[in-house]
């Protein structure tokens, strides 16, 4: 499976600051057999935090198959899970906002997006990552959260 292209919002939360980010497809499992078109799946992708070197987030999500899925017309379910880990020495070259969307992926033709937001907990020197899905009209309360503690010798710079 080719890597998905996502929009990763850069260090500024303002409009016009989008940067392209690539995910690495880690794997997938079939959940429902479809006679026509691809099966329904759970896919796992890895995303490197564009502002924090040494942190990778692994996101698992449902991917709808069948004819609609094959044509890109299916709306994937809102469920997703996230696990972010330090995969090397953590380096934060620029101050981070206390809350920032770092990844966003379209989940339906127009209305739904899967989002990953990074929050900073300066008191505990920890990065928190939250994933959730939203729609133009109504979002979903289903979410998943993970935390990456940063060594106290490397304080997190906050804007």
C-alpha atoms as a PDB file:
ATOM      1  CA  UNK A   1       0.000   0.000   0.000  1.00  0.00           C
ATOM      2  CA  UNK A   2       1.445   3.364  -0.964  1.00  0.00           C
ATOM      3  CA  UNK A   3       2.069   5.889   1.763  1.00  0.00           C
ATOM      4  CA  UNK A   4      -0.823   8.211   2.406  1.00  0.00           C
ATOM      5  CA  UNK A   5      -0.233  11.883   1.898  1.00  0.00           C
ATOM      6  CA  UNK A   6      -1.443  13.903   4.848  1.00  0.00           C
ATOM      7  CA  UNK A   7      -1.543  17.526   5.688  1.00  0.00           C
ATOM      8  CA  UNK A   8       0.642  18.261   8.682  1.00  0.00           C
ATOM      9  CA  UNK A   9       0.161  21.712  10.061  1.00  0.00           C
ATOM     10  CA  UNK A  10       3.459  23.398  10.772  1.00  0.00           C
ATOM     11  CA  UNK A  11       4.572  25.238  13.878  1.00  0.00           C
ATOM     12  CA  UNK A  12       2.128  28.078  13.285  1.00  0.00           C
ATOM     13  CA  UNK A  13      -1.550  27.318  13.613  1.00  0.00           C
ATOM     14  CA  UNK A  14      -2.505  30.072  11.174  1.00  0.00           C
ATOM     15  CA  UNK A  15      -3.985  29.498   7.726  1.00  0.00           C
ATOM     16  CA  UNK A  16      -1.671  28.838   4.829  1.00  0.00           C
ATOM     17  CA  UNK A  17       0.953  27.033   6.918  1.00  0.00           C
ATOM     18  CA  UNK A  18       0.241  23.481   5.779  1.00  0.00           C
ATOM     19  CA  UNK A  19       3.207  21.233   5.025  1.00  0.00           C
ATOM     20  CA  UNK A  20       3.050  17.852   3.330  1.00  0.00           C
ATOM     21  CA  UNK A  21       3.938  14.876   5.511  1.00  0.00           C
ATOM     22  CA  UNK A  22       4.239  11.237   4.567  1.00  0.00           C
ATOM     23  CA  UNK A  23       3.126   8.259   6.546  1.00  0.00           C
ATOM     24  CA  UNK A  24       4.698   4.852   6.444  1.00  0.00           C
ATOM     25  CA  UNK A  25       2.264   1.978   6.002  1.00  0.00           C
ATOM     26  CA  UNK A  26       3.149  -0.517   8.735  1.00  0.00           C
ATOM     27  CA  UNK A  27       0.526  -3.188   8.069  1.00  0.00           C
ATOM     28  CA  UNK A  28      -3.117  -4.107   7.828  1.00  0.00           C
ATOM     29  CA  UNK A  29      -5.547  -6.873   8.743  1.00  0.00           C
ATOM     30  CA  UNK A  30      -8.803  -7.783   7.012  1.00  0.00           C
ATOM     31  CA  UNK A  31     -11.921  -7.541   9.137  1.00  0.00           C
ATOM     32  CA  UNK A  32     -14.720  -8.264   6.626  1.00  0.00           C
ATOM     33  CA  UNK A  33     -14.521 -10.184   3.366  1.00  0.00           C
ATOM     34  CA  UNK A  34     -16.045  -8.347   0.389  1.00  0.00           C
ATOM     35  CA  UNK A  35     -16.876 -10.323  -2.754  1.00  0.00           C
ATOM     36  CA  UNK A  36     -16.515  -7.230  -4.945  1.00  0.00           C
ATOM     37  CA  UNK A  37     -13.808  -4.723  -4.167  1.00  0.00           C
ATOM     38  CA  UNK A  38     -11.254  -4.721  -1.359  1.00  0.00           C
ATOM     39  CA  UNK A  39     -12.061  -6.154   2.076  1.00  0.00           C
ATOM     40  CA  UNK A  40     -12.775  -3.898   5.055  1.00  0.00           C
ATOM     41  CA  UNK A  41      -9.509  -3.476   6.972  1.00  0.00           C
ATOM     42  CA  UNK A  42      -7.763  -2.064   9.968  1.00  0.00           C
ATOM     43  CA  UNK A  43      -4.617  -0.276   8.825  1.00  0.00           C
ATOM     44  CA  UNK A  44      -1.656   0.885  10.893  1.00  0.00           C
ATOM     45  CA  UNK A  45       0.430   3.840   9.711  1.00  0.00           C
ATOM     46  CA  UNK A  46       3.409   5.604  11.283  1.00  0.00           C
ATOM     47  CA  UNK A  47       3.719   9.403  11.322  1.00  0.00           C
ATOM     48  CA  UNK A  48       6.794  11.275  12.494  1.00  0.00           C
ATOM     49  CA  UNK A  49       5.948  14.438  14.433  1.00  0.00           C
ATOM     50  CA  UNK A  50       7.136  17.244  12.118  1.00  0.00           C
ATOM     51  CA  UNK A  51       8.099  19.540  15.022  1.00  0.00           C
ATOM     52  CA  UNK A  52       9.557  17.000  17.468  1.00  0.00           C
ATOM     53  CA  UNK A  53      12.488  14.933  16.259  1.00  0.00           C
ATOM     54  CA  UNK A  54      12.550  11.423  17.693  1.00  0.00           C
ATOM     55  CA  UNK A  55       8.776  10.965  18.176  1.00  0.00           C
ATOM     56  CA  UNK A  56       6.657   8.734  15.933  1.00  0.00           C
ATOM     57  CA  UNK A  57       2.910   8.206  16.213  1.00  0.00           C
ATOM     58  CA  UNK A  58       1.302   4.938  15.179  1.00  0.00           C
ATOM     59  CA  UNK A  59      -2.350   5.308  14.199  1.00  0.00           C
ATOM     60  CA  UNK A  60      -4.684   2.375  13.589  1.00  0.00           C
ATOM     61  CA  UNK A  61      -7.962   3.038  11.847  1.00  0.00           C
ATOM     62  CA  UNK A  62     -10.753   1.336   9.975  1.00  0.00           C
ATOM     63  CA  UNK A  63     -10.668   1.445   6.190  1.00  0.00           C
ATOM     64  CA  UNK A  64     -13.894   0.682   4.347  1.00  0.00           C
ATOM     65  CA  UNK A  65     -13.656  -1.669   1.392  1.00  0.00           C
ATOM     66  CA  UNK A  66     -16.178  -2.849  -1.143  1.00  0.00           C
ATOM     67  CA  UNK A  67     -17.080  -0.975  -4.293  1.00  0.00           C
ATOM     68  CA  UNK A  68     -17.410   2.390  -2.512  1.00  0.00           C
ATOM     69  CA  UNK A  69     -14.038   1.909  -0.829  1.00  0.00           C
ATOM     70  CA  UNK A  70     -12.380   1.006  -4.127  1.00  0.00           C
ATOM     71  CA  UNK A  71     -13.803   4.148  -5.757  1.00  0.00           C
ATOM     72  CA  UNK A  72     -12.897   6.403  -2.815  1.00  0.00           C
ATOM     73  CA  UNK A  73     -16.541   7.168  -2.063  1.00  0.00           C
ATOM     74  CA  UNK A  74     -16.827   5.303   1.261  1.00  0.00           C
ATOM     75  CA  UNK A  75     -16.903   7.101   4.582  1.00  0.00           C
ATOM     76  CA  UNK A  76     -14.591   5.348   7.028  1.00  0.00           C
ATOM     77  CA  UNK A  77     -15.723   4.820  10.615  1.00  0.00           C
ATOM     78  CA  UNK A  78     -14.711   7.368  13.244  1.00  0.00           C
ATOM     79  CA  UNK A  79     -12.818   4.892  15.417  1.00  0.00           C
ATOM     80  CA  UNK A  80      -9.039   5.258  15.579  1.00  0.00           C
ATOM     81  CA  UNK A  81      -6.323   4.453  18.080  1.00  0.00           C
ATOM     82  CA  UNK A  82      -2.972   6.145  18.613  1.00  0.00           C
ATOM     83  CA  UNK A  83       0.311   5.228  20.284  1.00  0.00           C
ATOM     84  CA  UNK A  84       3.214   7.687  20.118  1.00  0.00           C
ATOM     85  CA  UNK A  85       6.704   6.719  21.219  1.00  0.00           C
ATOM     86  CA  UNK A  86      10.201   8.107  21.462  1.00  0.00           C
ATOM     87  CA  UNK A  87      12.014   6.243  18.698  1.00  0.00           C
ATOM     88  CA  UNK A  88      15.304   8.078  19.180  1.00  0.00           C
ATOM     89  CA  UNK A  89      16.710  11.048  21.059  1.00  0.00           C
ATOM     90  CA  UNK A  90      14.017  13.722  21.391  1.00  0.00           C
ATOM     91  CA  UNK A  91      14.932  17.134  20.053  1.00  0.00           C
ATOM     92  CA  UNK A  92      12.596  20.123  19.890  1.00  0.00           C
ATOM     93  CA  UNK A  93      14.287  22.822  17.780  1.00  0.00           C
ATOM     94  CA  UNK A  94      11.559  25.493  18.163  1.00  0.00           C
ATOM     95  CA  UNK A  95       9.062  26.341  20.927  1.00  0.00           C
ATOM     96  CA  UNK A  96       5.784  24.431  20.636  1.00  0.00           C
ATOM     97  CA  UNK A  97       2.297  25.850  21.131  1.00  0.00           C
ATOM     98  CA  UNK A  98       0.455  24.311  24.104  1.00  0.00           C
ATOM     99  CA  UNK A  99      -1.995  22.765  21.608  1.00  0.00           C
ATOM    100  CA  UNK A 100      -1.396  22.157  17.891  1.00  0.00           C
ATOM    101  CA  UNK A 101      -2.888  19.962  15.187  1.00  0.00           C
ATOM    102  CA  UNK A 102       0.004  18.002  13.726  1.00  0.00           C
ATOM    103  CA  UNK A 103      -1.743  15.651  11.284  1.00  0.00           C
ATOM    104  CA  UNK A 104      -5.056  15.677   9.489  1.00  0.00           C
ATOM    105  CA  UNK A 105      -6.412  13.136   7.038  1.00  0.00           C
ATOM    106  CA  UNK A 106      -9.605  13.248   5.004  1.00  0.00           C
ATOM    107  CA  UNK A 107     -11.831  10.259   5.858  1.00  0.00           C
ATOM    108  CA  UNK A 108     -14.684  10.908   3.415  1.00  0.00           C
ATOM    109  CA  UNK A 109     -15.064  12.716   0.130  1.00  0.00           C
ATOM    110  CA  UNK A 110     -16.023  16.042   1.744  1.00  0.00           C
ATOM    111  CA  UNK A 111     -17.194  15.962   5.331  1.00  0.00           C
ATOM    112  CA  UNK A 112     -15.013  13.951   7.721  1.00  0.00           C
ATOM    113  CA  UNK A 113     -11.383  14.305   8.885  1.00  0.00           C
ATOM    114  CA  UNK A 114      -9.209  12.255  11.226  1.00  0.00           C
ATOM    115  CA  UNK A 115      -7.110  14.629  13.326  1.00  0.00           C
ATOM    116  CA  UNK A 116      -4.099  14.280  15.602  1.00  0.00           C
ATOM    117  CA  UNK A 117      -3.468  17.092  18.069  1.00  0.00           C
ATOM    118  CA  UNK A 118      -0.324  17.499  20.172  1.00  0.00           C
ATOM    119  CA  UNK A 119      -0.651  19.100  23.607  1.00  0.00           C
ATOM    120  CA  UNK A 120       2.183  20.042  25.933  1.00  0.00           C
ATOM    121  CA  UNK A 121       2.110  19.346  29.674  1.00  0.00           C
ATOM    122  CA  UNK A 122       5.038  21.511  30.867  1.00  0.00           C
ATOM    123  CA  UNK A 123       4.564  20.559  34.541  1.00  0.00           C
ATOM    124  CA  UNK A 124       5.283  16.888  33.742  1.00  0.00           C
ATOM    125  CA  UNK A 125       7.511  17.613  30.700  1.00  0.00           C
ATOM    126  CA  UNK A 126       5.255  15.406  28.580  1.00  0.00           C
ATOM    127  CA  UNK A 127       3.832  15.517  25.056  1.00  0.00           C
ATOM    128  CA  UNK A 128       0.234  14.310  24.754  1.00  0.00           C
ATOM    129  CA  UNK A 129      -1.226  13.214  21.431  1.00  0.00           C
ATOM    130  CA  UNK A 130      -5.005  13.001  20.907  1.00  0.00           C
ATOM    131  CA  UNK A 131      -6.722  11.519  17.853  1.00  0.00           C
ATOM    132  CA  UNK A 132     -10.371  12.093  16.993  1.00  0.00           C
ATOM    133  CA  UNK A 133     -12.641  12.444  13.989  1.00  0.00           C
ATOM    134  CA  UNK A 134     -14.755  15.433  13.104  1.00  0.00           C
ATOM    135  CA  UNK A 135     -17.325  16.415  10.511  1.00  0.00           C
ATOM    136  CA  UNK A 136     -18.435  19.718   9.077  1.00  0.00           C
ATOM    137  CA  UNK A 137     -21.737  19.445  10.984  1.00  0.00           C
ATOM    138  CA  UNK A 138     -21.012  17.129  13.920  1.00  0.00           C
ATOM    139  CA  UNK A 139     -17.873  15.451  15.214  1.00  0.00           C
ATOM    140  CA  UNK A 140     -17.481  12.193  17.074  1.00  0.00           C
ATOM    141  CA  UNK A 141     -16.670  11.915  20.782  1.00  0.00           C
ATOM    142  CA  UNK A 142     -14.683   8.735  20.050  1.00  0.00           C
ATOM    143  CA  UNK A 143     -11.029   9.458  20.660  1.00  0.00           C
ATOM    144  CA  UNK A 144      -7.733   7.982  21.735  1.00  0.00           C
ATOM    145  CA  UNK A 145      -4.888   9.561  23.681  1.00  0.00           C
ATOM    146  CA  UNK A 146      -1.251   8.721  24.324  1.00  0.00           C
ATOM    147  CA  UNK A 147       1.622  10.465  26.094  1.00  0.00           C
ATOM    148  CA  UNK A 148       5.358  10.690  25.487  1.00  0.00           C
ATOM    149  CA  UNK A 149       7.337  11.724  28.570  1.00  0.00           C
ATOM    150  CA  UNK A 150      10.414  13.770  27.729  1.00  0.00           C
ATOM    151  CA  UNK A 151      13.529  13.478  29.899  1.00  0.00           C
ATOM    152  CA  UNK A 152      13.644  16.375  32.372  1.00  0.00           C
ATOM    153  CA  UNK A 153      17.141  17.166  31.052  1.00  0.00           C
ATOM    154  CA  UNK A 154      15.381  18.228  27.814  1.00  0.00           C
ATOM    155  CA  UNK A 155      12.739  20.786  28.859  1.00  0.00           C
ATOM    156  CA  UNK A 156       9.958  21.276  26.304  1.00  0.00           C
ATOM    157  CA  UNK A 157      10.089  24.862  24.987  1.00  0.00           C
ATOM    158  CA  UNK A 158       6.552  26.320  24.943  1.00  0.00           C
ATOM    159  CA  UNK A 159       5.327  29.366  23.037  1.00  0.00           C
END
